Amino acid sequence: MALEPNEQEKIDSTFRNGSLTAVGIILGFCLSFVNRWVSNPNDWGRIDILPMTLMMLGIAIQVKVFADLLSRDSLLAAKYDRACRVFLVGFLIVAVGIAIALANDILGISSQAMLGS
């Protein structure tokens, strides 16, 4: 079935809905992780700024993608594919922030404990 010259390729809405669910779950996990880390009673240090900044940047990107996937035009294949790529970038940024925070904790240079109290 060929597309008309002015018609853009679309994805099925059920496929988009599954992706929207996955993005929401991962976004919820990231927000939950940051909430737990922020509510830690230990003092913050300058060393904690980089991982927290990366995590918040990644989460902001994920929220933007979540909003993009909720829009009607996200059924267009090009917009859907772009949203998926941008989401993975946001997820990787959060993962790098978590890895840095974990390394800081393992090396003992951060007062924000990730591995226990």
N, C-alpha and C. Protein backbone atom coordinates (compact mmCIF):
# COMPACT_ATOMS: atom_id res chain seq x y z
N MET A 1 0.85 -1.17 0.00
CA MET A 1 0.00 0.00 0.00
C MET A 1 0.90 1.24 0.00
N ALA A 2 0.85 1.97 -1.08
CA ALA A 2 1.71 3.15 -1.23
C ALA A 2 1.06 4.36 -0.59
N LEU A 3 1.91 5.22 -0.05
CA LEU A 3 1.41 6.46 0.55
C LEU A 3 1.15 7.49 -0.53
N GLU A 4 0.13 8.30 -0.31
CA GLU A 4 -0.14 9.42 -1.21
C GLU A 4 1.02 10.42 -1.09
N PRO A 5 1.25 11.26 -2.08
CA PRO A 5 2.37 12.22 -2.03
C PRO A 5 2.34 13.14 -0.81
N ASN A 6 1.18 13.55 -0.34
CA ASN A 6 1.08 14.47 0.80
C ASN A 6 0.86 13.74 2.13
N GLU A 7 0.77 12.42 2.10
CA GLU A 7 0.49 11.65 3.30
C GLU A 7 1.79 11.13 3.91
N GLN A 8 1.93 11.32 5.22
CA GLN A 8 3.12 10.86 5.92
C GLN A 8 2.85 9.50 6.56
N GLU A 9 3.92 8.71 6.71
CA GLU A 9 3.78 7.39 7.33
C GLU A 9 3.37 7.55 8.79
N LYS A 10 2.43 6.71 9.22
CA LYS A 10 1.93 6.75 10.59
C LYS A 10 2.16 5.40 11.25
N ILE A 11 2.22 5.44 12.59
CA ILE A 11 2.31 4.20 13.35
C ILE A 11 0.95 3.90 13.96
N ASP A 12 0.76 2.67 14.38
CA ASP A 12 -0.49 2.29 15.02
C ASP A 12 -0.54 2.88 16.42
N SER A 13 -1.69 3.34 16.84
CA SER A 13 -1.81 3.99 18.14
C SER A 13 -1.53 3.02 19.29
N THR A 14 -1.84 1.74 19.12
CA THR A 14 -1.56 0.78 20.20
C THR A 14 -0.05 0.61 20.38
N PHE A 15 0.71 0.69 19.31
CA PHE A 15 2.17 0.61 19.41
C PHE A 15 2.70 1.82 20.17
N ARG A 16 2.19 3.00 19.83
CA ARG A 16 2.59 4.22 20.53
C ARG A 16 2.21 4.16 22.00
N ASN A 17 1.04 3.61 22.30
CA ASN A 17 0.59 3.53 23.69
C ASN A 17 1.50 2.64 24.52
N GLY A 18 1.99 1.56 23.95
CA GLY A 18 2.94 0.71 24.66
C GLY A 18 4.23 1.43 24.96
N SER A 19 4.71 2.19 24.00
CA SER A 19 5.92 2.98 24.20
C SER A 19 5.69 4.06 25.25
N LEU A 20 4.53 4.65 25.23
CA LEU A 20 4.18 5.67 26.22
C LEU A 20 4.17 5.07 27.63
N THR A 21 3.67 3.87 27.76
CA THR A 21 3.68 3.18 29.05
C THR A 21 5.11 2.93 29.51
N ALA A 22 5.95 2.43 28.62
CA ALA A 22 7.34 2.15 28.97
C ALA A 22 8.07 3.43 29.39
N VAL A 23 7.87 4.50 28.66
CA VAL A 23 8.50 5.79 28.99
C VAL A 23 8.01 6.25 30.36
N GLY A 24 6.73 6.12 30.63
CA GLY A 24 6.17 6.53 31.91
C GLY A 24 6.75 5.74 33.07
N ILE A 25 6.92 4.44 32.88
CA ILE A 25 7.47 3.60 33.94
C ILE A 25 8.92 3.97 34.22
N ILE A 26 9.71 4.12 33.18
CA ILE A 26 11.12 4.48 33.37
C ILE A 26 11.25 5.87 33.96
N LEU A 27 10.43 6.80 33.51
CA LEU A 27 10.44 8.15 34.07
C LEU A 27 10.07 8.10 35.55
N GLY A 28 9.08 7.30 35.91
CA GLY A 28 8.70 7.15 37.31
C GLY A 28 9.83 6.58 38.14
N PHE A 29 10.55 5.60 37.61
CA PHE A 29 11.69 5.04 38.32
C PHE A 29 12.75 6.11 38.55
N CYS A 30 13.06 6.89 37.52
CA CYS A 30 14.08 7.94 37.65
C CYS A 30 13.68 8.98 38.70
N LEU A 31 12.42 9.39 38.67
CA LEU A 31 11.93 10.35 39.66
C LEU A 31 11.98 9.76 41.07
N SER A 32 11.63 8.50 41.19
CA SER A 32 11.67 7.84 42.50
C SER A 32 13.09 7.75 43.03
N PHE A 33 14.03 7.44 42.14
CA PHE A 33 15.43 7.36 42.55
C PHE A 33 15.93 8.71 43.04
N VAL A 34 15.66 9.75 42.28
CA VAL A 34 16.11 11.09 42.68
C VAL A 34 15.43 11.50 43.99
N ASN A 35 14.16 11.18 44.16
CA ASN A 35 13.46 11.51 45.40
C ASN A 35 14.12 10.83 46.58
N ARG A 36 14.46 9.57 46.43
CA ARG A 36 15.11 8.84 47.53
C ARG A 36 16.48 9.43 47.84
N TRP A 37 17.21 9.78 46.80
CA TRP A 37 18.55 10.32 46.97
C TRP A 37 18.50 11.70 47.62
N VAL A 38 17.56 12.52 47.20
CA VAL A 38 17.43 13.88 47.73
C VAL A 38 16.95 13.86 49.18
N SER A 39 16.08 12.92 49.52
CA SER A 39 15.56 12.88 50.88
C SER A 39 16.52 12.22 51.87
N ASN A 40 17.68 11.82 51.41
CA ASN A 40 18.71 11.27 52.29
C ASN A 40 19.11 12.35 53.30
N PRO A 41 19.19 12.03 54.59
CA PRO A 41 19.47 13.05 55.60
C PRO A 41 20.92 13.57 55.63
N ASN A 42 21.79 12.95 54.87
CA ASN A 42 23.19 13.40 54.87
C ASN A 42 23.33 14.77 54.21
N ASP A 43 24.41 15.45 54.55
CA ASP A 43 24.67 16.77 53.98
C ASP A 43 25.10 16.65 52.51
N TRP A 44 24.79 17.70 51.76
CA TRP A 44 25.19 17.76 50.37
C TRP A 44 26.56 18.41 50.28
N GLY A 45 27.33 18.01 49.28
CA GLY A 45 28.62 18.63 49.02
C GLY A 45 28.70 19.04 47.57
N ARG A 46 29.74 19.77 47.24
CA ARG A 46 29.90 20.20 45.85
C ARG A 46 30.05 19.04 44.89
N ILE A 47 30.58 17.94 45.38
CA ILE A 47 30.78 16.76 44.54
C ILE A 47 29.45 16.18 44.06
N ASP A 48 28.37 16.49 44.77
CA ASP A 48 27.05 15.96 44.43
C ASP A 48 26.34 16.78 43.34
N ILE A 49 26.87 17.92 43.02
CA ILE A 49 26.21 18.80 42.04
C ILE A 49 26.20 18.19 40.64
N LEU A 50 27.34 17.63 40.21
CA LEU A 50 27.41 17.07 38.85
C LEU A 50 26.43 15.92 38.64
N PRO A 51 26.42 14.89 39.50
CA PRO A 51 25.46 13.82 39.24
C PRO A 51 24.00 14.28 39.33
N MET A 52 23.70 15.17 40.28
CA MET A 52 22.32 15.64 40.39
C MET A 52 21.92 16.47 39.17
N THR A 53 22.83 17.28 38.67
CA THR A 53 22.54 18.08 37.47
C THR A 53 22.27 17.17 36.28
N LEU A 54 23.10 16.14 36.12
CA LEU A 54 22.90 15.20 35.01
C LEU A 54 21.57 14.47 35.15
N MET A 55 21.26 14.03 36.37
CA MET A 55 19.99 13.32 36.56
C MET A 55 18.80 14.23 36.26
N MET A 56 18.85 15.46 36.72
CA MET A 56 17.72 16.37 36.48
C MET A 56 17.59 16.73 35.00
N LEU A 57 18.74 16.90 34.31
CA LEU A 57 18.70 17.17 32.87
C LEU A 57 18.08 15.99 32.13
N GLY A 58 18.52 14.78 32.46
CA GLY A 58 17.96 13.60 31.81
C GLY A 58 16.48 13.43 32.07
N ILE A 59 16.06 13.70 33.30
CA ILE A 59 14.63 13.61 33.64
C ILE A 59 13.84 14.67 32.89
N ALA A 60 14.38 15.86 32.76
CA ALA A 60 13.68 16.92 32.00
C ALA A 60 13.48 16.49 30.55
N ILE A 61 14.50 15.86 29.97
CA ILE A 61 14.39 15.38 28.60
C ILE A 61 13.32 14.29 28.52
N GLN A 62 13.29 13.39 29.49
CA GLN A 62 12.29 12.33 29.50
C GLN A 62 10.87 12.89 29.63
N VAL A 63 10.70 13.92 30.45
CA VAL A 63 9.38 14.55 30.60
C VAL A 63 8.96 15.18 29.27
N LYS A 64 9.89 15.82 28.58
CA LYS A 64 9.60 16.42 27.28
C LYS A 64 9.15 15.35 26.29
N VAL A 65 9.84 14.22 26.28
CA VAL A 65 9.47 13.12 25.38
C VAL A 65 8.09 12.57 25.76
N PHE A 66 7.84 12.44 27.05
CA PHE A 66 6.53 11.96 27.50
C PHE A 66 5.43 12.89 26.97
N ALA A 67 5.64 14.19 27.08
CA ALA A 67 4.67 15.15 26.56
C ALA A 67 4.55 15.04 25.04
N ASP A 68 5.68 14.84 24.36
CA ASP A 68 5.64 14.69 22.90
C ASP A 68 4.84 13.46 22.49
N LEU A 69 5.01 12.36 23.23
CA LEU A 69 4.28 11.14 22.90
C LEU A 69 2.79 11.25 23.19
N LEU A 70 2.41 12.17 24.07
CA LEU A 70 0.99 12.38 24.35
C LEU A 70 0.29 13.21 23.28
N SER A 71 1.06 13.90 22.46
CA SER A 71 0.45 14.76 21.45
C SER A 71 -0.08 13.91 20.29
N ARG A 72 -1.06 14.43 19.60
CA ARG A 72 -1.71 13.71 18.51
C ARG A 72 -0.76 13.43 17.35
N ASP A 73 0.15 14.36 17.09
CA ASP A 73 1.02 14.15 15.95
C ASP A 73 2.15 13.16 16.22
N SER A 74 2.19 12.57 17.42
CA SER A 74 3.20 11.56 17.70
C SER A 74 2.90 10.25 16.96
N LEU A 75 1.73 10.17 16.34
CA LEU A 75 1.43 9.00 15.53
C LEU A 75 2.14 9.04 14.19
N LEU A 76 2.72 10.18 13.84
CA LEU A 76 3.53 10.26 12.63
C LEU A 76 4.85 9.54 12.91
N ALA A 77 5.23 8.65 12.04
CA ALA A 77 6.40 7.80 12.26
C ALA A 77 7.66 8.61 12.51
N ALA A 78 7.87 9.69 11.78
CA ALA A 78 9.08 10.49 11.94
C ALA A 78 9.14 11.12 13.33
N LYS A 79 8.01 11.64 13.81
CA LYS A 79 7.98 12.26 15.14
C LYS A 79 8.12 11.21 16.24
N TYR A 80 7.51 10.06 16.03
CA TYR A 80 7.62 8.98 17.00
C TYR A 80 9.07 8.49 17.10
N ASP A 81 9.70 8.28 15.96
CA ASP A 81 11.09 7.81 15.96
C ASP A 81 12.02 8.82 16.63
N ARG A 82 11.79 10.11 16.38
CA ARG A 82 12.61 11.14 17.01
C ARG A 82 12.40 11.13 18.52
N ALA A 83 11.17 10.99 18.97
CA ALA A 83 10.88 10.96 20.41
C ALA A 83 11.58 9.77 21.06
N CYS A 84 11.60 8.63 20.40
CA CYS A 84 12.28 7.45 20.96
C CYS A 84 13.78 7.69 21.07
N ARG A 85 14.39 8.30 20.07
CA ARG A 85 15.83 8.59 20.12
C ARG A 85 16.14 9.59 21.23
N VAL A 86 15.35 10.64 21.35
CA VAL A 86 15.58 11.65 22.38
C VAL A 86 15.38 11.05 23.76
N PHE A 87 14.38 10.15 23.92
CA PHE A 87 14.18 9.50 25.20
C PHE A 87 15.41 8.70 25.61
N LEU A 88 15.99 7.97 24.67
CA LEU A 88 17.18 7.18 25.00
C LEU A 88 18.34 8.08 25.41
N VAL A 89 18.46 9.24 24.79
CA VAL A 89 19.50 10.19 25.20
C VAL A 89 19.25 10.63 26.65
N GLY A 90 18.02 11.00 26.96
CA GLY A 90 17.68 11.40 28.33
C GLY A 90 17.93 10.29 29.33
N PHE A 91 17.58 9.06 28.96
CA PHE A 91 17.81 7.92 29.85
C PHE A 91 19.30 7.70 30.08
N LEU A 92 20.10 7.82 29.04
CA LEU A 92 21.55 7.65 29.18
C LEU A 92 22.16 8.74 30.05
N ILE A 93 21.66 9.96 29.94
CA ILE A 93 22.16 11.04 30.78
C ILE A 93 21.86 10.75 32.25
N VAL A 94 20.65 10.26 32.54
CA VAL A 94 20.32 9.88 33.92
C VAL A 94 21.24 8.75 34.39
N ALA A 95 21.47 7.77 33.53
CA ALA A 95 22.33 6.64 33.89
C ALA A 95 23.76 7.10 34.20
N VAL A 96 24.26 8.05 33.43
CA VAL A 96 25.61 8.58 33.69
C VAL A 96 25.62 9.31 35.03
N GLY A 97 24.58 10.08 35.32
CA GLY A 97 24.50 10.76 36.62
C GLY A 97 24.47 9.78 37.77
N ILE A 98 23.72 8.70 37.62
CA ILE A 98 23.67 7.68 38.67
C ILE A 98 25.02 7.00 38.81
N ALA A 99 25.68 6.71 37.70
CA ALA A 99 26.99 6.07 37.75
C ALA A 99 28.02 6.94 38.45
N ILE A 100 27.98 8.25 38.19
CA ILE A 100 28.91 9.17 38.85
C ILE A 100 28.61 9.22 40.35
N ALA A 101 27.34 9.30 40.71
CA ALA A 101 26.97 9.32 42.13
C ALA A 101 27.40 8.04 42.82
N LEU A 102 27.23 6.92 42.14
CA LEU A 102 27.63 5.64 42.71
C LEU A 102 29.15 5.57 42.88
N ALA A 103 29.88 6.04 41.87
CA ALA A 103 31.35 6.07 41.97
C ALA A 103 31.80 6.97 43.12
N ASN A 104 31.16 8.11 43.27
CA ASN A 104 31.49 9.01 44.38
C ASN A 104 31.26 8.33 45.72
N ASP A 105 30.17 7.56 45.81
CA ASP A 105 29.87 6.85 47.06
C ASP A 105 30.89 5.74 47.31
N ILE A 106 31.21 4.98 46.29
CA ILE A 106 32.17 3.88 46.44
C ILE A 106 33.55 4.42 46.83
N LEU A 107 33.94 5.53 46.23
CA LEU A 107 35.25 6.12 46.52
C LEU A 107 35.25 6.89 47.84
N GLY A 108 34.09 7.09 48.43
CA GLY A 108 33.99 7.76 49.72
C GLY A 108 34.17 9.27 49.65
N ILE A 109 33.95 9.86 48.48
CA ILE A 109 34.13 11.32 48.36
C ILE A 109 32.81 12.08 48.43
N SER A 110 31.71 11.36 48.61
CA SER A 110 30.41 12.01 48.72
C SER A 110 29.78 11.64 50.06
N SER A 111 29.10 12.58 50.64
CA SER A 111 28.39 12.28 51.89
C SER A 111 26.99 11.76 51.62
N GLN A 112 26.55 11.78 50.36
CA GLN A 112 25.24 11.25 49.98
C GLN A 112 25.40 9.76 49.69
N ALA A 113 25.06 8.92 50.63
CA ALA A 113 25.23 7.47 50.48
C ALA A 113 24.17 6.89 49.56
N MET A 114 24.60 6.07 48.64
CA MET A 114 23.69 5.37 47.75
C MET A 114 23.58 3.90 48.12
N LEU A 115 24.63 3.37 48.73
CA LEU A 115 24.70 1.94 49.00
C LEU A 115 24.22 1.58 50.39
N GLY A 116 23.68 2.50 51.12
CA GLY A 116 23.20 2.24 52.46
C GLY A 116 23.62 3.36 53.39
N SER A 117 23.13 3.34 54.58
CA SER A 117 23.40 4.43 55.53
C SER A 117 24.73 4.27 56.19
